[in-house]
Amino acid sequence: MNANSPQQPEELTSTVRALHEVAPHEVMAPYGVIATGGPAGPPAGFPHSRPEAGFLSGPGKSVYRRVIDLLSRRNGAAAREARYRAAAGRARQAADERKHGHRGGNRTWLLRSLILLGIAAEAVTAYVAMEVLVASQSLAVGLSALTAAVGAGMACILANRRLNGLGVPATIRILEGIFVAVLTVLRYESLSVQGAGYLAAAGAAGLAALISALGLLGIEEIVVETHTFAVFIGALRASWLSWRWTSATADLAATEAAAEAAADKLQHHYLEYLLRAEAMPLAEARGHAAALRAALTESMS
């Protein structure tokens, strides 16, 4: 090592910074043509006497460009990973707060799609009761749909009272029983008018009443035991951002590995260049190569 060896990292850093001023223009230029004009050679004012200047503007130019590109991509990937990490943390915290504030059960909101099945069952059984009571079929369909909506709404109101800790008074349960009983009588009368026997009409009406009662109770329990739509969306958003964070972390790791491999390649090529072209001793050449790599990676960090 010569007497100026302590200043080598500073000199290498200034050299690399000088190359950085033109590297982006060179990368954007067509292959083999430098944006500042000419196929090769360092920019004006570049320290031609330094061996790294000749290497980076000559045989090491392609590897140097590759390292610069990967280091730039690494910085972008690191910023993206930090952004998704922060967003995922905020989304998870918000989702947990909504979940802790939810008064109902811990089952997924998707179970509420079964409410549609309960409403459909209520509407079908109500249609049996309305079919012979009105002259118009469209009116019977409308009345059965209205009956199903009233039953489902009553079940949701009872579920909301339970969620608020108010309890369900016995009078409301009696009204719910009267609702089912009236529909059962109407179904029995409708089946009797259609010519069914007493036993058959009674059995069919009792089965319809059981389906109606179970449908109303099922709707009520589903509302009580499942998450709200806001809780579901919050958890879904938190999961999506967590996936994006994982993807960004994997991309950052891959970019860092590629940048390290390219830096190793640049260091190895520079070492060979110093040994062959500059006839530099091995120990000194290794120091120069390590210093070039350190200056390059530090200037882009």
C-alpha atoms as a PDB file:
ATOM      1  CA  MET A   1       0.000   0.000   0.000  1.00  0.00           C
ATOM      2  CA  ASN A   2       1.275   3.515  -0.798  1.00  0.00           C
ATOM      3  CA  ALA A   3       1.297   6.511   1.496  1.00  0.00           C
ATOM      4  CA  ASN A   4      -1.970   7.805   0.124  1.00  0.00           C
ATOM      5  CA  SER A   5      -3.900   4.638   0.984  1.00  0.00           C
ATOM      6  CA  PRO A   6      -5.865   6.226   3.917  1.00  0.00           C
ATOM      7  CA  GLN A   7      -7.386   8.680   1.455  1.00  0.00           C
ATOM      8  CA  GLN A   8      -8.484   5.954  -0.982  1.00  0.00           C
ATOM      9  CA  PRO A   9     -12.059   5.533   0.299  1.00  0.00           C
ATOM     10  CA  GLU A  10     -12.648   9.295   0.123  1.00  0.00           C
ATOM     11  CA  GLU A  11     -11.154   9.482  -3.349  1.00  0.00           C
ATOM     12  CA  LEU A  12     -13.154   6.468  -4.500  1.00  0.00           C
ATOM     13  CA  THR A  13     -16.314   8.001  -3.129  1.00  0.00           C
ATOM     14  CA  SER A  14     -15.692  11.203  -5.072  1.00  0.00           C
ATOM     15  CA  THR A  15     -15.000   9.152  -8.182  1.00  0.00           C
ATOM     16  CA  VAL A  16     -18.183   7.152  -7.824  1.00  0.00           C
ATOM     17  CA  ARG A  17     -20.195  10.292  -7.190  1.00  0.00           C
ATOM     18  CA  ALA A  18     -18.769  11.808 -10.342  1.00  0.00           C
ATOM     19  CA  LEU A  19     -19.906   8.737 -12.257  1.00  0.00           C
ATOM     20  CA  HIS A  20     -23.366   8.941 -10.666  1.00  0.00           C
ATOM     21  CA  GLU A  21     -23.839  12.362 -12.244  1.00  0.00           C
ATOM     22  CA  VAL A  22     -23.791  10.812 -15.694  1.00  0.00           C
ATOM     23  CA  ALA A  23     -24.854   7.230 -14.983  1.00  0.00           C
ATOM     24  CA  PRO A  24     -28.617   7.906 -15.185  1.00  0.00           C
ATOM     25  CA  HIS A  25     -28.198   9.644 -18.563  1.00  0.00           C
ATOM     26  CA  GLU A  26     -26.078   6.780 -19.844  1.00  0.00           C
ATOM     27  CA  VAL A  27     -28.633   4.209 -18.734  1.00  0.00           C
ATOM     28  CA  MET A  28     -31.440   6.042 -20.510  1.00  0.00           C
ATOM     29  CA  ALA A  29     -29.425   6.411 -23.702  1.00  0.00           C
ATOM     30  CA  PRO A  30     -29.500   3.751 -26.476  1.00  0.00           C
ATOM     31  CA  TYR A  31     -27.144   0.848 -26.013  1.00  0.00           C
ATOM     32  CA  GLY A  32     -23.582   1.725 -26.945  1.00  0.00           C
ATOM     33  CA  VAL A  33     -24.238   5.493 -26.982  1.00  0.00           C
ATOM     34  CA  ILE A  34     -23.747   7.794 -24.016  1.00  0.00           C
ATOM     35  CA  ALA A  35     -26.282  10.577 -23.620  1.00  0.00           C
ATOM     36  CA  THR A  36     -23.485  13.156 -23.262  1.00  0.00           C
ATOM     37  CA  GLY A  37     -22.094  12.159 -26.646  1.00  0.00           C
ATOM     38  CA  GLY A  38     -19.717   9.343 -27.538  1.00  0.00           C
ATOM     39  CA  PRO A  39     -19.588   5.608 -26.951  1.00  0.00           C
ATOM     40  CA  ALA A  40     -17.062   5.593 -24.115  1.00  0.00           C
ATOM     41  CA  GLY A  41     -14.966   7.695 -21.764  1.00  0.00           C
ATOM     42  CA  PRO A  42     -15.620   9.469 -18.463  1.00  0.00           C
ATOM     43  CA  PRO A  43     -17.262  12.892 -18.321  1.00  0.00           C
ATOM     44  CA  ALA A  44     -15.416  16.173 -18.418  1.00  0.00           C
ATOM     45  CA  GLY A  45     -13.546  16.887 -15.222  1.00  0.00           C
ATOM     46  CA  PHE A  46     -13.301  13.183 -14.338  1.00  0.00           C
ATOM     47  CA  PRO A  47     -10.005  12.195 -12.636  1.00  0.00           C
ATOM     48  CA  HIS A  48      -8.419  10.211 -15.505  1.00  0.00           C
ATOM     49  CA  SER A  49      -5.389   9.252 -13.435  1.00  0.00           C
ATOM     50  CA  ARG A  50      -7.343   7.118 -11.004  1.00  0.00           C
ATOM     51  CA  PRO A  51      -7.485   3.396 -11.926  1.00  0.00           C
ATOM     52  CA  GLU A  52     -11.163   3.127 -10.986  1.00  0.00           C
ATOM     53  CA  ALA A  53     -11.927   5.911 -13.479  1.00  0.00           C
ATOM     54  CA  GLY A  54     -10.491   3.874 -16.312  1.00  0.00           C
ATOM     55  CA  PHE A  55     -12.223   0.715 -15.108  1.00  0.00           C
ATOM     56  CA  LEU A  56     -15.691   2.201 -14.555  1.00  0.00           C
ATOM     57  CA  SER A  57     -15.634   4.047 -17.875  1.00  0.00           C
ATOM     58  CA  GLY A  58     -14.140   1.103 -19.747  1.00  0.00           C
ATOM     59  CA  PRO A  59     -14.355  -2.660 -19.118  1.00  0.00           C
ATOM     60  CA  GLY A  60     -16.415  -2.303 -15.952  1.00  0.00           C
ATOM     61  CA  LYS A  61     -19.048   0.045 -17.349  1.00  0.00           C
ATOM     62  CA  SER A  62     -21.762  -2.579 -17.951  1.00  0.00           C
ATOM     63  CA  VAL A  63     -21.330  -4.146 -14.515  1.00  0.00           C
ATOM     64  CA  TYR A  64     -21.268  -0.688 -12.946  1.00  0.00           C
ATOM     65  CA  ARG A  65     -24.531   0.257 -14.648  1.00  0.00           C
ATOM     66  CA  ARG A  66     -26.041  -3.005 -13.443  1.00  0.00           C
ATOM     67  CA  VAL A  67     -25.004  -2.300  -9.838  1.00  0.00           C
ATOM     68  CA  ILE A  68     -26.333   1.272  -9.998  1.00  0.00           C
ATOM     69  CA  ASP A  69     -29.658   0.049 -11.379  1.00  0.00           C
ATOM     70  CA  LEU A  70     -30.020  -2.643  -8.725  1.00  0.00           C
ATOM     71  CA  LEU A  71     -29.096  -0.285  -5.903  1.00  0.00           C
ATOM     72  CA  SER A  72     -31.668   2.200  -7.153  1.00  0.00           C
ATOM     73  CA  ARG A  73     -34.283  -0.559  -7.315  1.00  0.00           C
ATOM     74  CA  ARG A  74     -33.298  -1.634  -3.822  1.00  0.00           C
ATOM     75  CA  ASN A  75     -33.939   1.855  -2.468  1.00  0.00           C
ATOM     76  CA  GLY A  76     -37.336   1.921  -4.155  1.00  0.00           C
ATOM     77  CA  ALA A  77     -38.169  -1.550  -2.833  1.00  0.00           C
ATOM     78  CA  ALA A  78     -37.133  -0.505   0.672  1.00  0.00           C
ATOM     79  CA  ALA A  79     -39.386   2.557   0.538  1.00  0.00           C
ATOM     80  CA  ARG A  80     -42.264   0.439  -0.771  1.00  0.00           C
ATOM     81  CA  GLU A  81     -41.748  -2.176   1.960  1.00  0.00           C
ATOM     82  CA  ALA A  82     -41.731   0.519   4.658  1.00  0.00           C
ATOM     83  CA  ARG A  83     -44.900   2.068   3.237  1.00  0.00           C
ATOM     84  CA  TYR A  84     -46.790  -1.231   3.165  1.00  0.00           C
ATOM     85  CA  ARG A  85     -45.493  -2.176   6.611  1.00  0.00           C
ATOM     86  CA  ALA A  86     -46.887   1.041   8.084  1.00  0.00           C
ATOM     87  CA  ALA A  87     -50.188   0.706   6.195  1.00  0.00           C
ATOM     88  CA  ALA A  88     -50.586  -2.930   7.262  1.00  0.00           C
ATOM     89  CA  GLY A  89     -49.926  -2.006  10.888  1.00  0.00           C
ATOM     90  CA  ARG A  90     -52.536   0.767  10.819  1.00  0.00           C
ATOM     91  CA  ALA A  91     -55.098  -1.456   9.097  1.00  0.00           C
ATOM     92  CA  ARG A  92     -54.534  -4.293  11.567  1.00  0.00           C
ATOM     93  CA  GLN A  93     -54.872  -1.927  14.519  1.00  0.00           C
ATOM     94  CA  ALA A  94     -58.099  -0.463  13.121  1.00  0.00           C
ATOM     95  CA  ALA A  95     -59.487  -3.947  12.442  1.00  0.00           C
ATOM     96  CA  ASP A  96     -58.682  -5.062  15.983  1.00  0.00           C
ATOM     97  CA  GLU A  97     -60.361  -1.972  17.427  1.00  0.00           C
ATOM     98  CA  ARG A  98     -63.520  -2.636  15.409  1.00  0.00           C
ATOM     99  CA  LYS A  99     -63.489  -6.286  16.434  1.00  0.00           C
ATOM    100  CA  HIS A 100     -63.074  -5.430  20.128  1.00  0.00           C
ATOM    101  CA  GLY A 101     -65.916  -2.907  19.887  1.00  0.00           C
ATOM    102  CA  HIS A 102     -68.235  -5.454  18.274  1.00  0.00           C
ATOM    103  CA  ARG A 103     -70.870  -6.674  20.736  1.00  0.00           C
ATOM    104  CA  GLY A 104     -71.854  -9.824  18.853  1.00  0.00           C
ATOM    105  CA  GLY A 105     -70.177 -13.123  18.116  1.00  0.00           C
ATOM    106  CA  ASN A 106     -66.899 -13.757  16.378  1.00  0.00           C
ATOM    107  CA  ARG A 107     -68.146 -15.576  13.287  1.00  0.00           C
ATOM    108  CA  THR A 108     -67.547 -14.307   9.772  1.00  0.00           C
ATOM    109  CA  TRP A 109     -69.951 -11.866   8.140  1.00  0.00           C
ATOM    110  CA  LEU A 110     -70.299 -14.241   5.176  1.00  0.00           C
ATOM    111  CA  LEU A 111     -72.671 -16.379   7.249  1.00  0.00           C
ATOM    112  CA  ARG A 112     -75.209 -13.588   6.919  1.00  0.00           C
ATOM    113  CA  SER A 113     -75.772 -14.694   3.353  1.00  0.00           C
ATOM    114  CA  LEU A 114     -77.836 -17.491   4.905  1.00  0.00           C
ATOM    115  CA  ILE A 115     -80.349 -14.815   5.924  1.00  0.00           C
ATOM    116  CA  LEU A 116     -81.434 -14.712   2.287  1.00  0.00           C
ATOM    117  CA  LEU A 117     -82.208 -18.418   2.502  1.00  0.00           C
ATOM    118  CA  GLY A 118     -84.363 -17.828   5.597  1.00  0.00           C
ATOM    119  CA  ILE A 119     -86.222 -14.973   3.891  1.00  0.00           C
ATOM    120  CA  ALA A 120     -86.826 -17.140   0.827  1.00  0.00           C
ATOM    121  CA  ALA A 121     -88.197 -19.974   2.988  1.00  0.00           C
ATOM    122  CA  GLU A 122     -90.481 -17.533   4.772  1.00  0.00           C
ATOM    123  CA  ALA A 123     -91.715 -16.101   1.465  1.00  0.00           C
ATOM    124  CA  VAL A 124     -92.437 -19.549  -0.030  1.00  0.00           C
ATOM    125  CA  THR A 125     -94.396 -20.720   2.997  1.00  0.00           C
ATOM    126  CA  ALA A 126     -96.240 -17.390   3.139  1.00  0.00           C
ATOM    127  CA  TYR A 127     -97.221 -17.774  -0.518  1.00  0.00           C
ATOM    128  CA  VAL A 128     -99.042 -20.980   0.377  1.00  0.00           C
ATOM    129  CA  ALA A 129    -101.158 -18.967   2.807  1.00  0.00           C
ATOM    130  CA  MET A 130    -101.848 -16.131   0.370  1.00  0.00           C
ATOM    131  CA  GLU A 131    -102.451 -18.187  -2.750  1.00  0.00           C
ATOM    132  CA  VAL A 132    -106.214 -18.707  -2.385  1.00  0.00           C
ATOM    133  CA  LEU A 133    -106.951 -15.655  -0.257  1.00  0.00           C
ATOM    134  CA  VAL A 134    -106.495 -13.184  -3.116  1.00  0.00           C
ATOM    135  CA  ALA A 135    -107.651 -13.398  -6.717  1.00  0.00           C
ATOM    136  CA  SER A 136    -104.428 -12.172  -8.324  1.00  0.00           C
ATOM    137  CA  GLN A 137    -101.288 -14.285  -8.335  1.00  0.00           C
ATOM    138  CA  SER A 138     -99.065 -11.189  -8.505  1.00  0.00           C
ATOM    139  CA  LEU A 139    -100.839  -9.849  -5.409  1.00  0.00           C
ATOM    140  CA  ALA A 140    -100.220 -13.145  -3.626  1.00  0.00           C
ATOM    141  CA  VAL A 141     -96.526 -12.960  -4.516  1.00  0.00           C
ATOM    142  CA  GLY A 142     -96.331  -9.378  -3.256  1.00  0.00           C
ATOM    143  CA  LEU A 143     -98.092 -10.220   0.011  1.00  0.00           C
ATOM    144  CA  SER A 144     -95.835 -13.233   0.603  1.00  0.00           C
ATOM    145  CA  ALA A 145     -92.731 -11.116  -0.038  1.00  0.00           C
ATOM    146  CA  LEU A 146     -94.049  -8.446   2.335  1.00  0.00           C
ATOM    147  CA  THR A 147     -94.762 -11.087   4.970  1.00  0.00           C
ATOM    148  CA  ALA A 148     -91.238 -12.478   4.654  1.00  0.00           C
ATOM    149  CA  ALA A 149     -89.761  -8.973   4.926  1.00  0.00           C
ATOM    150  CA  VAL A 150     -91.808  -8.255   8.068  1.00  0.00           C
ATOM    151  CA  GLY A 151     -90.710 -11.529   9.659  1.00  0.00           C
ATOM    152  CA  ALA A 152     -87.034 -10.950   8.824  1.00  0.00           C
ATOM    153  CA  GLY A 153     -87.234  -7.356  10.064  1.00  0.00           C
ATOM    154  CA  MET A 154     -88.763  -8.487  13.332  1.00  0.00           C
ATOM    155  CA  ALA A 155     -85.976 -11.043  13.787  1.00  0.00           C
ATOM    156  CA  CYS A 156     -83.326  -8.379  13.128  1.00  0.00           C
ATOM    157  CA  ILE A 157     -84.933  -6.002  15.640  1.00  0.00           C
ATOM    158  CA  LEU A 158     -84.914  -8.701  18.296  1.00  0.00           C
ATOM    159  CA  ALA A 159     -81.256  -9.464  17.489  1.00  0.00           C
ATOM    160  CA  ASN A 160     -80.366  -5.786  17.789  1.00  0.00           C
ATOM    161  CA  ARG A 161     -81.986  -5.615  21.232  1.00  0.00           C
ATOM    162  CA  ARG A 162     -79.945  -8.606  22.319  1.00  0.00           C
ATOM    163  CA  LEU A 163     -76.734  -7.020  21.009  1.00  0.00           C
ATOM    164  CA  ASN A 164     -77.476  -3.838  22.943  1.00  0.00           C
ATOM    165  CA  GLY A 165     -78.044  -5.849  26.115  1.00  0.00           C
ATOM    166  CA  LEU A 166     -81.697  -4.819  26.378  1.00  0.00           C
ATOM    167  CA  GLY A 167     -83.128  -8.311  26.363  1.00  0.00           C
ATOM    168  CA  VAL A 168     -86.292  -9.430  24.592  1.00  0.00           C
ATOM    169  CA  PRO A 169     -89.568  -8.860  26.499  1.00  0.00           C
ATOM    170  CA  ALA A 170     -92.029 -11.724  26.716  1.00  0.00           C
ATOM    171  CA  THR A 171     -94.686  -9.647  24.953  1.00  0.00           C
ATOM    172  CA  ILE A 172     -92.497  -9.393  21.834  1.00  0.00           C
ATOM    173  CA  ARG A 173     -91.962 -13.139  21.847  1.00  0.00           C
ATOM    174  CA  ILE A 174     -95.740 -13.589  22.159  1.00  0.00           C
ATOM    175  CA  LEU A 175     -96.262 -11.301  19.173  1.00  0.00           C
ATOM    176  CA  GLU A 176     -93.726 -13.343  17.214  1.00  0.00           C
ATOM    177  CA  GLY A 177     -95.630 -16.508  18.136  1.00  0.00           C
ATOM    178  CA  ILE A 178     -98.927 -14.919  17.059  1.00  0.00           C
ATOM    179  CA  PHE A 179     -97.329 -13.986  13.721  1.00  0.00           C
ATOM    180  CA  VAL A 180     -96.337 -17.600  13.091  1.00  0.00           C
ATOM    181  CA  ALA A 181     -99.675 -18.924  14.341  1.00  0.00           C
ATOM    182  CA  VAL A 182    -101.736 -16.660  12.057  1.00  0.00           C
ATOM    183  CA  LEU A 183     -99.695 -17.717   9.056  1.00  0.00           C
ATOM    184  CA  THR A 184    -100.145 -21.338  10.052  1.00  0.00           C
ATOM    185  CA  VAL A 185    -103.944 -20.968  10.172  1.00  0.00           C
ATOM    186  CA  LEU A 186    -103.943 -19.220   6.803  1.00  0.00           C
ATOM    187  CA  ARG A 187    -101.835 -21.999   5.309  1.00  0.00           C
ATOM    188  CA  TYR A 188    -104.194 -24.617   6.686  1.00  0.00           C
ATOM    189  CA  GLU A 189    -107.208 -22.803   5.266  1.00  0.00           C
ATOM    190  CA  SER A 190    -105.512 -22.371   1.903  1.00  0.00           C
ATOM    191  CA  LEU A 191    -104.670 -26.061   1.676  1.00  0.00           C
ATOM    192  CA  SER A 192    -108.193 -27.021   2.709  1.00  0.00           C
ATOM    193  CA  VAL A 193    -109.680 -24.813  -0.022  1.00  0.00           C
ATOM    194  CA  GLN A 194    -107.406 -26.480  -2.553  1.00  0.00           C
ATOM    195  CA  GLY A 195    -108.946 -29.861  -1.668  1.00  0.00           C
ATOM    196  CA  ALA A 196    -106.423 -31.329   0.754  1.00  0.00           C
ATOM    197  CA  GLY A 197    -107.720 -33.558   3.552  1.00  0.00           C
ATOM    198  CA  TYR A 198    -107.830 -32.369   7.138  1.00  0.00           C
ATOM    199  CA  LEU A 199    -104.875 -34.475   8.154  1.00  0.00           C
ATOM    200  CA  ALA A 200    -102.818 -33.518   5.110  1.00  0.00           C
ATOM    201  CA  ALA A 201    -103.676 -29.841   5.464  1.00  0.00           C
ATOM    202  CA  ALA A 202    -102.843 -29.868   9.167  1.00  0.00           C
ATOM    203  CA  GLY A 203     -99.543 -31.671   8.577  1.00  0.00           C
ATOM    204  CA  ALA A 204     -98.496 -29.347   5.750  1.00  0.00           C
ATOM    205  CA  ALA A 205     -99.479 -26.267   7.747  1.00  0.00           C
ATOM    206  CA  GLY A 206     -97.562 -27.547  10.799  1.00  0.00           C
ATOM    207  CA  LEU A 207     -94.470 -28.224   8.676  1.00  0.00           C
ATOM    208  CA  ALA A 208     -94.678 -24.743   7.155  1.00  0.00           C
ATOM    209  CA  ALA A 209     -95.022 -23.257  10.638  1.00  0.00           C
ATOM    210  CA  LEU A 210     -91.920 -25.137  11.788  1.00  0.00           C
ATOM    211  CA  ILE A 211     -89.962 -23.905   8.770  1.00  0.00           C
ATOM    212  CA  SER A 212     -91.150 -20.335   9.401  1.00  0.00           C
ATOM    213  CA  ALA A 213     -90.259 -20.406  13.111  1.00  0.00           C
ATOM    214  CA  LEU A 214     -86.843 -21.936  12.511  1.00  0.00           C
ATOM    215  CA  GLY A 215     -86.185 -19.390   9.756  1.00  0.00           C
ATOM    216  CA  LEU A 216     -86.982 -16.461  12.043  1.00  0.00           C
ATOM    217  CA  LEU A 217     -84.885 -17.857  14.896  1.00  0.00           C
ATOM    218  CA  GLY A 218     -82.050 -18.626  12.497  1.00  0.00           C
ATOM    219  CA  ILE A 219     -82.020 -15.071  11.165  1.00  0.00           C
ATOM    220  CA  GLU A 220     -81.928 -13.715  14.696  1.00  0.00           C
ATOM    221  CA  GLU A 221     -79.051 -15.964  15.766  1.00  0.00           C
ATOM    222  CA  ILE A 222     -77.039 -15.260  12.615  1.00  0.00           C
ATOM    223  CA  VAL A 223     -77.271 -11.506  13.217  1.00  0.00           C
ATOM    224  CA  VAL A 224     -76.208 -11.935  16.834  1.00  0.00           C
ATOM    225  CA  GLU A 225     -73.326 -14.352  16.258  1.00  0.00           C
ATOM    226  CA  THR A 226     -71.644 -12.805  13.201  1.00  0.00           C
ATOM    227  CA  HIS A 227     -69.477  -9.769  12.504  1.00  0.00           C
ATOM    228  CA  THR A 228     -70.860  -6.605  11.001  1.00  0.00           C
ATOM    229  CA  PHE A 229     -70.004  -5.627   7.448  1.00  0.00           C
ATOM    230  CA  ALA A 230     -67.590  -2.921   8.698  1.00  0.00           C
ATOM    231  CA  VAL A 231     -65.669  -5.467  10.782  1.00  0.00           C
ATOM    232  CA  PHE A 232     -65.538  -7.842   7.810  1.00  0.00           C
ATOM    233  CA  ILE A 233     -64.251  -5.159   5.423  1.00  0.00           C
ATOM    234  CA  GLY A 234     -61.673  -3.980   7.978  1.00  0.00           C
ATOM    235  CA  ALA A 235     -60.322  -7.510   8.435  1.00  0.00           C
ATOM    236  CA  LEU A 236     -60.300  -8.062   4.667  1.00  0.00           C
ATOM    237  CA  ARG A 237     -58.363  -4.830   4.086  1.00  0.00           C
ATOM    238  CA  ALA A 238     -55.876  -5.715   6.829  1.00  0.00           C
ATOM    239  CA  SER A 239     -55.303  -9.144   5.271  1.00  0.00           C
ATOM    240  CA  TRP A 240     -54.797  -7.628   1.820  1.00  0.00           C
ATOM    241  CA  LEU A 241     -52.282  -5.067   3.091  1.00  0.00           C
ATOM    242  CA  SER A 242     -50.464  -7.780   5.042  1.00  0.00           C
ATOM    243  CA  TRP A 243     -50.171  -9.768   1.816  1.00  0.00           C
ATOM    244  CA  ARG A 244     -48.836  -6.712  -0.018  1.00  0.00           C
ATOM    245  CA  TRP A 245     -46.319  -6.156   2.784  1.00  0.00           C
ATOM    246  CA  THR A 246     -45.159  -9.773   2.532  1.00  0.00           C
ATOM    247  CA  SER A 247     -44.820  -9.396  -1.231  1.00  0.00           C
ATOM    248  CA  ALA A 248     -42.873  -6.138  -0.854  1.00  0.00           C
ATOM    249  CA  THR A 249     -40.581  -7.757   1.729  1.00  0.00           C
ATOM    250  CA  ALA A 250     -39.857 -10.663  -0.613  1.00  0.00           C
ATOM    251  CA  ASP A 251     -39.189  -8.251  -3.487  1.00  0.00           C
ATOM    252  CA  LEU A 252     -36.811  -6.233  -1.300  1.00  0.00           C
ATOM    253  CA  ALA A 253     -34.926  -9.363  -0.267  1.00  0.00           C
ATOM    254  CA  ALA A 254     -34.607 -10.492  -3.890  1.00  0.00           C
ATOM    255  CA  THR A 255     -33.403  -7.056  -5.009  1.00  0.00           C
ATOM    256  CA  GLU A 256     -30.867  -6.867  -2.188  1.00  0.00           C
ATOM    257  CA  ALA A 257     -29.537 -10.322  -3.080  1.00  0.00           C
ATOM    258  CA  ALA A 258     -29.204  -9.331  -6.737  1.00  0.00           C
ATOM    259  CA  ALA A 259     -27.475  -6.068  -5.779  1.00  0.00           C
ATOM    260  CA  GLU A 260     -25.026  -7.916  -3.522  1.00  0.00           C
ATOM    261  CA  ALA A 261     -24.267 -10.406  -6.294  1.00  0.00           C
ATOM    262  CA  ALA A 262     -23.691  -7.594  -8.808  1.00  0.00           C
ATOM    263  CA  ALA A 263     -21.451  -5.738  -6.327  1.00  0.00           C
ATOM    264  CA  ASP A 264     -19.443  -8.925  -5.775  1.00  0.00           C
ATOM    265  CA  LYS A 265     -19.055  -9.286  -9.521  1.00  0.00           C
ATOM    266  CA  LEU A 266     -17.949  -5.672  -9.880  1.00  0.00           C
ATOM    267  CA  GLN A 267     -15.404  -6.091  -7.095  1.00  0.00           C
ATOM    268  CA  HIS A 268     -14.057  -9.283  -8.647  1.00  0.00           C
ATOM    269  CA  HIS A 269     -13.743  -7.717 -12.113  1.00  0.00           C
ATOM    270  CA  TYR A 270     -12.043  -4.658 -10.682  1.00  0.00           C
ATOM    271  CA  LEU A 271      -9.587  -6.855  -8.816  1.00  0.00           C
ATOM    272  CA  GLU A 272      -8.711  -8.653 -12.064  1.00  0.00           C
ATOM    273  CA  TYR A 273      -8.380  -5.314 -13.840  1.00  0.00           C
ATOM    274  CA  LEU A 274      -5.954  -3.998 -11.241  1.00  0.00           C
ATOM    275  CA  LEU A 275      -3.861  -7.156 -11.362  1.00  0.00           C
ATOM    276  CA  ARG A 276      -3.676  -7.350 -15.163  1.00  0.00           C
ATOM    277  CA  ALA A 277      -3.918  -3.798 -16.442  1.00  0.00           C
ATOM    278  CA  GLU A 278      -2.345  -1.902 -13.549  1.00  0.00           C
ATOM    279  CA  ALA A 279       0.109  -4.650 -12.417  1.00  0.00           C
ATOM    280  CA  MET A 280      -0.828  -3.846  -8.823  1.00  0.00           C
ATOM    281  CA  PRO A 281       0.191  -6.174  -5.965  1.00  0.00           C
ATOM    282  CA  LEU A 282      -2.535  -8.558  -4.831  1.00  0.00           C
ATOM    283  CA  ALA A 283      -2.927  -7.135  -1.314  1.00  0.00           C
ATOM    284  CA  GLU A 284      -3.142  -3.573  -2.575  1.00  0.00           C
ATOM    285  CA  ALA A 285      -5.520  -4.577  -5.379  1.00  0.00           C
ATOM    286  CA  ARG A 286      -7.824  -6.270  -2.893  1.00  0.00           C
ATOM    287  CA  GLY A 287      -7.902  -3.110  -0.791  1.00  0.00           C
ATOM    288  CA  HIS A 288      -8.751  -0.983  -3.841  1.00  0.00           C
ATOM    289  CA  ALA A 289     -11.507  -3.379  -4.931  1.00  0.00           C
ATOM    290  CA  ALA A 290     -13.070  -3.489  -1.466  1.00  0.00           C
ATOM    291  CA  ALA A 291     -12.853   0.289  -1.164  1.00  0.00           C
ATOM    292  CA  LEU A 292     -14.555   0.758  -4.554  1.00  0.00           C
ATOM    293  CA  ARG A 293     -17.404  -1.514  -3.551  1.00  0.00           C
ATOM    294  CA  ALA A 294     -17.821   0.216  -0.191  1.00  0.00           C
ATOM    295  CA  ALA A 295     -17.801   3.682  -1.792  1.00  0.00           C
ATOM    296  CA  LEU A 296     -20.325   2.609  -4.407  1.00  0.00           C
ATOM    297  CA  THR A 297     -22.814   1.018  -1.999  1.00  0.00           C
ATOM    298  CA  GLU A 298     -22.492   3.821   0.578  1.00  0.00           C
ATOM    299  CA  SER A 299     -23.114   6.522  -2.029  1.00  0.00           C
ATOM    300  CA  MET A 300     -26.374   4.829  -3.075  1.00  0.00           C
ATOM    301  CA  SER A 301     -27.666   4.033   0.423  1.00  0.00           C
END
